[in-house]
C-alpha cells in the first residue's frame, strides 16, 4: 500500500517517519517532493550526484521508491537507482542523469525527486549498509565518482 499524504503527515507527527526539514509545499497526495541540498549543474550526457536537502528516516515497515519529477523528465533528466530500504536514515544521494541536449541547473531547495513510500509486510530486517547516516552526496562503493 502506498502511503497517502494524510498517513505521511500522521507518521511524521508520531515520530516514526522523518523528513527533515519537512515542507508542506513538497507534500503531494501520494508522495513527497525531495529538494536539492545545493545548487548543481547537470551537464548534458553525464550523471551527477545530488544530495537531498531532507534527512530521511524510514521505519521498519516502510520502503520507498524514488522517481524524477516530470518537470525534470521533460528536460531529459532521469534518476539512476531509486529504492530506499526500511530502516534507512540519512540524506539521499540522487543519481541524476541528464540525457537532454542542454545543461540543466538545479537550484538549492528546488523540488526534484518524488519519494513514494509503501508499507512492507512481514519484514524484520533494517538497512545496515555503508550509506547509513549519509550526509551530502556519497560516491559509489569504490570511492570514485560516476
N, C-alpha and C. Protein backbone atom coordinates (compact mmCIF):
# COMPACT_ATOMS: atom_id res chain seq x y z
N UNK A 1 0.83 -1.17 0.00
CA UNK A 1 0.00 0.00 0.00
C UNK A 1 0.89 1.25 0.00
N UNK A 2 0.62 2.18 -0.89
CA UNK A 2 1.34 3.45 -0.93
C UNK A 2 0.78 4.37 0.15
N UNK A 3 1.66 5.06 0.85
CA UNK A 3 1.22 5.96 1.92
C UNK A 3 0.66 7.26 1.33
N UNK A 4 -0.50 7.66 1.81
CA UNK A 4 -1.13 8.91 1.39
C UNK A 4 -0.52 10.08 2.16
N UNK A 5 -0.84 11.29 1.72
CA UNK A 5 -0.36 12.47 2.42
C UNK A 5 -0.82 12.48 3.88
N UNK A 6 -2.04 12.05 4.12
CA UNK A 6 -2.57 12.02 5.49
C UNK A 6 -1.75 11.09 6.37
N UNK A 7 -1.43 9.91 5.85
CA UNK A 7 -0.65 8.94 6.63
C UNK A 7 0.79 9.42 6.80
N UNK A 8 1.38 9.99 5.75
CA UNK A 8 2.75 10.52 5.86
C UNK A 8 2.82 11.56 6.97
N UNK A 9 1.89 12.53 6.94
CA UNK A 9 1.89 13.59 7.96
C UNK A 9 1.67 13.03 9.36
N UNK A 10 0.75 12.08 9.49
CA UNK A 10 0.49 11.48 10.81
C UNK A 10 1.73 10.77 11.33
N UNK A 11 2.40 10.01 10.46
CA UNK A 11 3.58 9.26 10.91
C UNK A 11 4.74 10.20 11.24
N UNK A 12 4.83 11.32 10.55
CA UNK A 12 5.84 12.32 10.91
C UNK A 12 5.53 12.90 12.29
N UNK A 13 4.27 13.26 12.52
CA UNK A 13 3.87 13.78 13.84
C UNK A 13 4.08 12.76 14.95
N UNK A 14 3.84 11.47 14.63
CA UNK A 14 4.04 10.40 15.62
C UNK A 14 5.53 10.14 15.87
N UNK A 15 6.39 10.61 14.97
CA UNK A 15 7.83 10.48 15.17
C UNK A 15 8.46 9.21 14.62
N UNK A 16 7.70 8.37 13.92
CA UNK A 16 8.32 7.13 13.42
C UNK A 16 8.74 7.24 11.96
N UNK A 17 8.46 8.37 11.31
CA UNK A 17 8.90 8.67 9.95
C UNK A 17 9.48 10.07 9.98
N UNK A 18 10.67 10.25 9.38
CA UNK A 18 11.32 11.56 9.41
C UNK A 18 11.59 12.04 7.99
N UNK A 19 11.17 13.27 7.69
CA UNK A 19 11.53 14.04 6.51
C UNK A 19 11.85 15.43 7.05
N UNK A 20 13.14 15.72 7.23
CA UNK A 20 13.54 16.94 7.92
C UNK A 20 14.58 17.72 7.13
N UNK A 21 14.30 18.97 6.76
CA UNK A 21 13.13 19.75 7.13
C UNK A 21 11.92 19.42 6.25
N UNK A 22 10.79 19.25 6.90
CA UNK A 22 9.54 18.98 6.19
C UNK A 22 9.05 20.29 5.59
N UNK A 23 8.48 20.21 4.38
CA UNK A 23 7.96 21.38 3.68
C UNK A 23 6.57 21.04 3.17
N UNK A 24 5.58 21.72 3.67
CA UNK A 24 4.19 21.44 3.27
C UNK A 24 4.00 21.55 1.76
N UNK A 25 4.72 22.47 1.11
CA UNK A 25 4.60 22.64 -0.35
C UNK A 25 5.14 21.43 -1.12
N UNK A 26 5.97 20.62 -0.47
CA UNK A 26 6.53 19.42 -1.11
C UNK A 26 5.63 18.20 -0.97
N UNK A 27 4.62 18.31 -0.09
CA UNK A 27 3.73 17.17 0.15
C UNK A 27 2.73 17.04 -1.00
N UNK A 28 2.71 15.88 -1.61
CA UNK A 28 1.78 15.57 -2.69
C UNK A 28 0.75 14.55 -2.16
N UNK A 29 -0.32 14.25 -2.90
CA UNK A 29 -1.34 13.33 -2.40
C UNK A 29 -0.82 11.94 -2.05
N UNK A 30 0.18 11.43 -2.79
CA UNK A 30 0.69 10.08 -2.50
C UNK A 30 2.22 10.02 -2.63
N UNK A 31 2.87 11.17 -2.41
CA UNK A 31 4.34 11.22 -2.46
C UNK A 31 4.79 12.51 -1.80
N UNK A 32 6.11 12.65 -1.70
CA UNK A 32 6.71 13.87 -1.16
C UNK A 32 7.83 14.25 -2.10
N UNK A 33 7.93 15.54 -2.44
CA UNK A 33 8.98 16.01 -3.34
C UNK A 33 10.23 16.36 -2.54
N UNK A 34 11.28 15.55 -2.73
CA UNK A 34 12.56 15.87 -2.10
C UNK A 34 13.20 17.04 -2.82
N UNK A 35 13.94 17.84 -2.07
CA UNK A 35 14.57 19.04 -2.61
C UNK A 35 16.09 18.86 -2.66
N UNK A 36 16.70 19.61 -3.55
CA UNK A 36 18.16 19.58 -3.70
C UNK A 36 18.80 20.35 -2.55
N UNK A 37 19.86 19.78 -1.98
CA UNK A 37 20.56 20.41 -0.86
C UNK A 37 21.45 21.56 -1.32
N UNK A 38 21.78 21.59 -2.60
CA UNK A 38 22.70 22.61 -3.11
C UNK A 38 22.40 22.88 -4.58
N UNK A 39 22.82 24.04 -5.04
CA UNK A 39 22.69 24.36 -6.46
C UNK A 39 23.70 23.52 -7.23
N UNK A 40 23.24 22.88 -8.30
CA UNK A 40 24.08 21.97 -9.08
C UNK A 40 23.73 22.12 -10.56
N UNK A 41 24.75 22.01 -11.40
CA UNK A 41 24.51 21.99 -12.84
C UNK A 41 24.61 20.55 -13.31
N UNK A 42 23.54 20.06 -13.94
CA UNK A 42 23.53 18.72 -14.51
C UNK A 42 24.01 18.86 -15.95
N UNK A 43 25.26 18.48 -16.19
CA UNK A 43 25.85 18.59 -17.52
C UNK A 43 25.21 17.55 -18.44
N UNK A 44 24.82 17.96 -19.64
CA UNK A 44 24.16 17.00 -20.54
C UNK A 44 25.12 15.85 -20.87
N UNK A 45 24.54 14.65 -20.86
CA UNK A 45 25.31 13.45 -21.16
C UNK A 45 26.06 12.87 -19.98
N UNK A 46 25.85 13.39 -18.77
CA UNK A 46 26.58 12.88 -17.60
C UNK A 46 25.63 12.58 -16.44
N UNK A 47 26.17 11.84 -15.48
CA UNK A 47 25.47 11.54 -14.23
C UNK A 47 26.08 12.42 -13.14
N UNK A 48 25.22 13.05 -12.36
CA UNK A 48 25.67 13.92 -11.29
C UNK A 48 25.02 13.47 -9.99
N UNK A 49 25.80 13.42 -8.92
CA UNK A 49 25.28 13.05 -7.61
C UNK A 49 24.84 14.32 -6.88
N UNK A 50 23.57 14.33 -6.47
CA UNK A 50 23.00 15.49 -5.81
C UNK A 50 22.40 15.02 -4.48
N UNK A 51 22.81 15.60 -3.36
CA UNK A 51 22.21 15.20 -2.08
C UNK A 51 20.84 15.82 -1.89
N UNK A 52 19.94 15.07 -1.27
CA UNK A 52 18.64 15.62 -0.91
C UNK A 52 18.83 16.59 0.26
N UNK A 53 18.01 17.63 0.29
CA UNK A 53 18.03 18.56 1.42
C UNK A 53 17.52 17.84 2.67
N UNK A 54 16.51 17.00 2.47
CA UNK A 54 15.86 16.34 3.60
C UNK A 54 16.70 15.19 4.17
N UNK A 55 16.72 15.12 5.47
CA UNK A 55 17.21 13.95 6.19
C UNK A 55 16.03 13.01 6.26
N UNK A 56 16.21 11.77 5.84
CA UNK A 56 15.13 10.79 5.74
C UNK A 56 15.39 9.66 6.74
N UNK A 57 14.36 9.26 7.47
CA UNK A 57 14.43 8.08 8.33
C UNK A 57 13.17 7.27 8.10
N UNK A 58 13.36 6.06 7.57
CA UNK A 58 12.22 5.17 7.32
C UNK A 58 12.12 4.14 8.44
N UNK A 59 10.90 3.90 8.94
CA UNK A 59 10.71 2.86 9.95
C UNK A 59 10.77 1.47 9.32
N UNK A 60 10.70 0.45 10.15
CA UNK A 60 10.85 -0.94 9.71
C UNK A 60 9.76 -1.41 8.74
N UNK A 61 8.62 -0.76 8.75
CA UNK A 61 7.52 -1.22 7.89
C UNK A 61 7.32 -0.34 6.66
N UNK A 62 8.31 0.51 6.33
CA UNK A 62 8.18 1.41 5.18
C UNK A 62 9.43 1.34 4.31
N UNK A 63 9.23 1.17 3.00
CA UNK A 63 10.29 1.28 1.99
C UNK A 63 9.86 2.40 1.04
N UNK A 64 10.78 2.83 0.18
CA UNK A 64 10.42 3.94 -0.70
C UNK A 64 11.05 3.78 -2.08
N UNK A 65 10.37 4.32 -3.06
CA UNK A 65 10.85 4.38 -4.43
C UNK A 65 11.06 5.84 -4.79
N UNK A 66 12.13 6.12 -5.54
CA UNK A 66 12.42 7.49 -5.98
C UNK A 66 12.15 7.61 -7.47
N UNK A 67 11.52 8.71 -7.86
CA UNK A 67 11.25 8.99 -9.27
C UNK A 67 11.52 10.47 -9.51
N UNK A 68 12.07 10.77 -10.68
CA UNK A 68 12.28 12.16 -11.06
C UNK A 68 10.93 12.84 -11.24
N UNK A 69 10.85 14.08 -10.84
CA UNK A 69 9.62 14.84 -11.11
C UNK A 69 9.48 15.03 -12.61
N UNK A 70 8.26 15.02 -13.09
CA UNK A 70 8.02 15.09 -14.53
C UNK A 70 8.56 16.36 -15.17
N UNK A 71 8.62 17.45 -14.40
CA UNK A 71 9.14 18.70 -14.96
C UNK A 71 10.61 18.55 -15.34
N UNK A 72 11.36 17.71 -14.62
CA UNK A 72 12.76 17.44 -14.99
C UNK A 72 12.82 16.36 -16.07
N UNK A 73 11.94 15.38 -16.01
CA UNK A 73 11.89 14.34 -17.03
C UNK A 73 11.66 14.92 -18.41
N UNK A 74 10.84 15.94 -18.48
CA UNK A 74 10.56 16.60 -19.77
C UNK A 74 11.79 17.29 -20.34
N UNK A 75 12.78 17.53 -19.47
CA UNK A 75 14.02 18.16 -19.91
C UNK A 75 15.13 17.13 -20.12
N UNK A 76 14.78 15.85 -19.99
CA UNK A 76 15.74 14.78 -20.23
C UNK A 76 16.46 14.27 -19.01
N UNK A 77 16.04 14.68 -17.81
CA UNK A 77 16.70 14.24 -16.58
C UNK A 77 16.04 12.96 -16.08
N UNK A 78 16.86 11.95 -15.83
CA UNK A 78 16.41 10.66 -15.31
C UNK A 78 17.12 10.40 -13.99
N UNK A 79 16.55 9.50 -13.19
CA UNK A 79 17.23 9.12 -11.95
C UNK A 79 17.72 7.69 -12.08
N UNK A 80 18.98 7.48 -11.70
CA UNK A 80 19.56 6.14 -11.66
C UNK A 80 19.39 5.60 -10.25
N UNK A 81 19.02 4.37 -10.13
CA UNK A 81 18.73 3.83 -8.81
C UNK A 81 17.37 4.31 -8.38
N UNK A 82 17.08 4.16 -7.14
CA UNK A 82 15.83 4.72 -6.70
C UNK A 82 15.02 3.87 -5.75
N UNK A 83 15.66 3.07 -4.91
CA UNK A 83 14.93 2.32 -3.90
C UNK A 83 15.58 2.58 -2.55
N UNK A 84 14.74 2.78 -1.52
CA UNK A 84 15.24 3.05 -0.17
C UNK A 84 14.67 1.97 0.75
N UNK A 85 15.56 1.21 1.38
CA UNK A 85 15.14 0.12 2.25
C UNK A 85 14.62 0.61 3.60
N UNK A 86 13.78 -0.22 4.24
CA UNK A 86 13.33 0.09 5.60
C UNK A 86 14.54 0.27 6.53
N UNK A 87 14.42 1.22 7.43
CA UNK A 87 15.49 1.46 8.40
C UNK A 87 16.56 2.43 7.93
N UNK A 88 16.51 2.86 6.64
CA UNK A 88 17.50 3.82 6.17
C UNK A 88 17.32 5.14 6.90
N UNK A 89 18.45 5.78 7.18
CA UNK A 89 18.41 7.14 7.70
C UNK A 89 19.61 7.90 7.14
N UNK A 90 19.35 9.13 6.72
CA UNK A 90 20.38 9.99 6.17
C UNK A 90 19.84 10.83 5.04
N UNK A 91 20.73 11.62 4.45
CA UNK A 91 20.38 12.33 3.23
C UNK A 91 20.50 11.33 2.09
N UNK A 92 19.62 11.43 1.13
CA UNK A 92 19.68 10.53 -0.02
C UNK A 92 20.58 11.11 -1.09
N UNK A 93 21.41 10.27 -1.70
CA UNK A 93 22.22 10.68 -2.85
C UNK A 93 21.41 10.37 -4.09
N UNK A 94 21.05 11.42 -4.80
CA UNK A 94 20.24 11.29 -6.01
C UNK A 94 21.18 11.23 -7.21
N UNK A 95 21.15 10.12 -7.94
CA UNK A 95 22.00 9.93 -9.12
C UNK A 95 21.21 10.41 -10.33
N UNK A 96 21.46 11.64 -10.75
CA UNK A 96 20.67 12.25 -11.81
C UNK A 96 21.45 12.26 -13.12
N UNK A 97 20.84 11.71 -14.16
CA UNK A 97 21.46 11.62 -15.47
C UNK A 97 20.73 12.59 -16.40
N UNK A 98 21.49 13.48 -17.01
CA UNK A 98 20.91 14.45 -17.94
C UNK A 98 21.10 13.93 -19.36
N UNK A 99 20.04 13.38 -19.92
CA UNK A 99 20.06 12.86 -21.29
C UNK A 99 19.58 13.91 -22.30
N UNK A 100 19.27 15.10 -21.82
CA UNK A 100 18.82 16.16 -22.70
C UNK A 100 19.97 16.77 -23.48
N UNK A 101 19.65 17.71 -24.33
CA UNK A 101 20.67 18.33 -25.20
C UNK A 101 21.31 19.56 -24.57
N UNK A 102 20.81 20.01 -23.41
CA UNK A 102 21.35 21.19 -22.75
C UNK A 102 21.61 20.90 -21.28
N UNK A 103 22.55 21.65 -20.69
CA UNK A 103 22.78 21.56 -19.26
C UNK A 103 21.51 22.02 -18.53
N UNK A 104 21.29 21.44 -17.34
CA UNK A 104 20.12 21.79 -16.53
C UNK A 104 20.61 22.26 -15.16
N UNK A 105 20.18 23.43 -14.76
CA UNK A 105 20.55 23.94 -13.45
C UNK A 105 19.48 23.52 -12.44
N UNK A 106 19.93 22.93 -11.34
CA UNK A 106 19.05 22.59 -10.22
C UNK A 106 19.40 23.56 -9.10
N UNK A 107 18.43 24.36 -8.71
CA UNK A 107 18.67 25.35 -7.66
C UNK A 107 18.55 24.72 -6.28
N UNK A 108 19.29 25.24 -5.33
CA UNK A 108 19.19 24.80 -3.95
C UNK A 108 17.73 24.91 -3.50
N UNK A 109 17.23 23.88 -2.85
CA UNK A 109 15.87 23.76 -2.33
C UNK A 109 14.81 23.56 -3.41
N UNK A 110 15.24 23.35 -4.66
CA UNK A 110 14.28 23.06 -5.72
C UNK A 110 13.77 21.64 -5.58
N UNK A 111 12.47 21.45 -5.76
CA UNK A 111 11.89 20.11 -5.70
C UNK A 111 12.30 19.36 -6.96
N UNK A 112 12.94 18.19 -6.79
CA UNK A 112 13.49 17.49 -7.95
C UNK A 112 13.09 16.03 -8.07
N UNK A 113 12.92 15.34 -6.95
CA UNK A 113 12.64 13.90 -6.97
C UNK A 113 11.47 13.60 -6.04
N UNK A 114 10.57 12.72 -6.49
CA UNK A 114 9.47 12.28 -5.64
C UNK A 114 9.90 11.03 -4.87
N UNK A 115 9.58 10.99 -3.60
CA UNK A 115 9.76 9.78 -2.81
C UNK A 115 8.36 9.23 -2.55
N UNK A 116 8.15 7.99 -2.98
CA UNK A 116 6.87 7.31 -2.84
C UNK A 116 7.07 6.21 -1.81
N UNK A 117 6.36 6.30 -0.71
CA UNK A 117 6.55 5.36 0.39
C UNK A 117 5.45 4.31 0.39
N UNK A 118 5.84 3.08 0.66
CA UNK A 118 4.88 1.99 0.72
C UNK A 118 5.19 1.10 1.92
N UNK A 119 4.15 0.41 2.38
CA UNK A 119 4.34 -0.47 3.53
C UNK A 119 5.02 -1.77 3.10
N UNK A 120 5.76 -2.34 4.03
CA UNK A 120 6.45 -3.62 3.84
C UNK A 120 5.80 -4.61 4.79
N UNK A 121 5.22 -5.68 4.25
CA UNK A 121 4.53 -6.66 5.07
C UNK A 121 5.49 -7.73 5.57
N UNK A 122 5.49 -7.95 6.85
CA UNK A 122 6.22 -9.06 7.44
C UNK A 122 7.73 -8.93 7.47
N UNK A 123 8.25 -7.78 7.15
CA UNK A 123 9.70 -7.62 7.17
C UNK A 123 10.22 -7.39 8.57
N UNK A 124 11.44 -7.88 8.82
CA UNK A 124 12.04 -7.64 10.13
C UNK A 124 13.50 -7.18 10.01
N UNK A 125 13.99 -7.04 8.78
CA UNK A 125 15.37 -6.59 8.59
C UNK A 125 15.38 -5.10 8.28
N UNK A 126 16.37 -4.41 8.83
CA UNK A 126 16.56 -3.00 8.58
C UNK A 126 17.84 -2.77 7.79
N UNK A 127 17.88 -1.70 7.04
CA UNK A 127 19.07 -1.35 6.28
C UNK A 127 20.25 -1.11 7.22
N UNK A 128 21.39 -1.71 6.89
CA UNK A 128 22.61 -1.55 7.68
C UNK A 128 23.82 -1.29 6.78
N UNK A 129 23.60 -0.82 5.56
CA UNK A 129 24.67 -0.65 4.59
C UNK A 129 25.55 0.55 4.85
N UNK A 130 26.52 0.73 3.95
CA UNK A 130 27.53 1.77 4.12
C UNK A 130 26.97 3.18 3.94
N UNK A 131 25.76 3.31 3.42
CA UNK A 131 25.18 4.64 3.21
C UNK A 131 24.33 5.11 4.38
N UNK A 132 24.29 4.28 5.46
CA UNK A 132 23.53 4.67 6.65
C UNK A 132 24.13 5.94 7.24
N UNK A 133 23.29 6.88 7.63
CA UNK A 133 23.67 8.16 8.22
C UNK A 133 24.46 9.04 7.24
N UNK A 134 24.20 8.89 5.94
CA UNK A 134 24.87 9.69 4.91
C UNK A 134 24.58 11.17 5.08
N UNK A 135 25.60 11.96 4.83
CA UNK A 135 25.45 13.42 4.78
C UNK A 135 26.10 13.88 3.48
N UNK A 136 25.35 14.65 2.69
CA UNK A 136 25.86 15.09 1.40
C UNK A 136 25.80 13.96 0.39
N UNK A 137 26.34 14.23 -0.81
CA UNK A 137 26.37 13.21 -1.87
C UNK A 137 27.48 12.21 -1.55
N UNK A 138 27.15 10.94 -1.57
CA UNK A 138 28.11 9.89 -1.26
C UNK A 138 28.48 9.16 -2.55
N UNK A 139 29.78 9.05 -2.81
CA UNK A 139 30.27 8.39 -4.04
C UNK A 139 29.97 6.90 -4.00
N UNK A 140 30.25 6.23 -5.13
CA UNK A 140 29.98 4.79 -5.22
C UNK A 140 30.88 3.99 -4.28
N UNK A 141 30.66 2.70 -4.21
CA UNK A 141 31.37 1.82 -3.28
C UNK A 141 32.89 1.84 -3.45
N UNK A 142 33.36 2.09 -4.68
CA UNK A 142 34.79 2.12 -4.92
C UNK A 142 35.42 3.44 -4.51
N UNK A 143 34.60 4.38 -4.05
CA UNK A 143 35.10 5.66 -3.63
C UNK A 143 35.22 6.67 -4.76
N UNK A 144 34.92 6.23 -5.97
CA UNK A 144 35.01 7.13 -7.11
C UNK A 144 33.70 7.84 -7.37
N UNK A 145 33.77 8.76 -8.27
CA UNK A 145 32.59 9.49 -8.69
C UNK A 145 32.20 8.97 -10.06
N UNK A 146 30.92 8.93 -10.31
CA UNK A 146 30.42 8.43 -11.59
C UNK A 146 30.87 9.35 -12.69
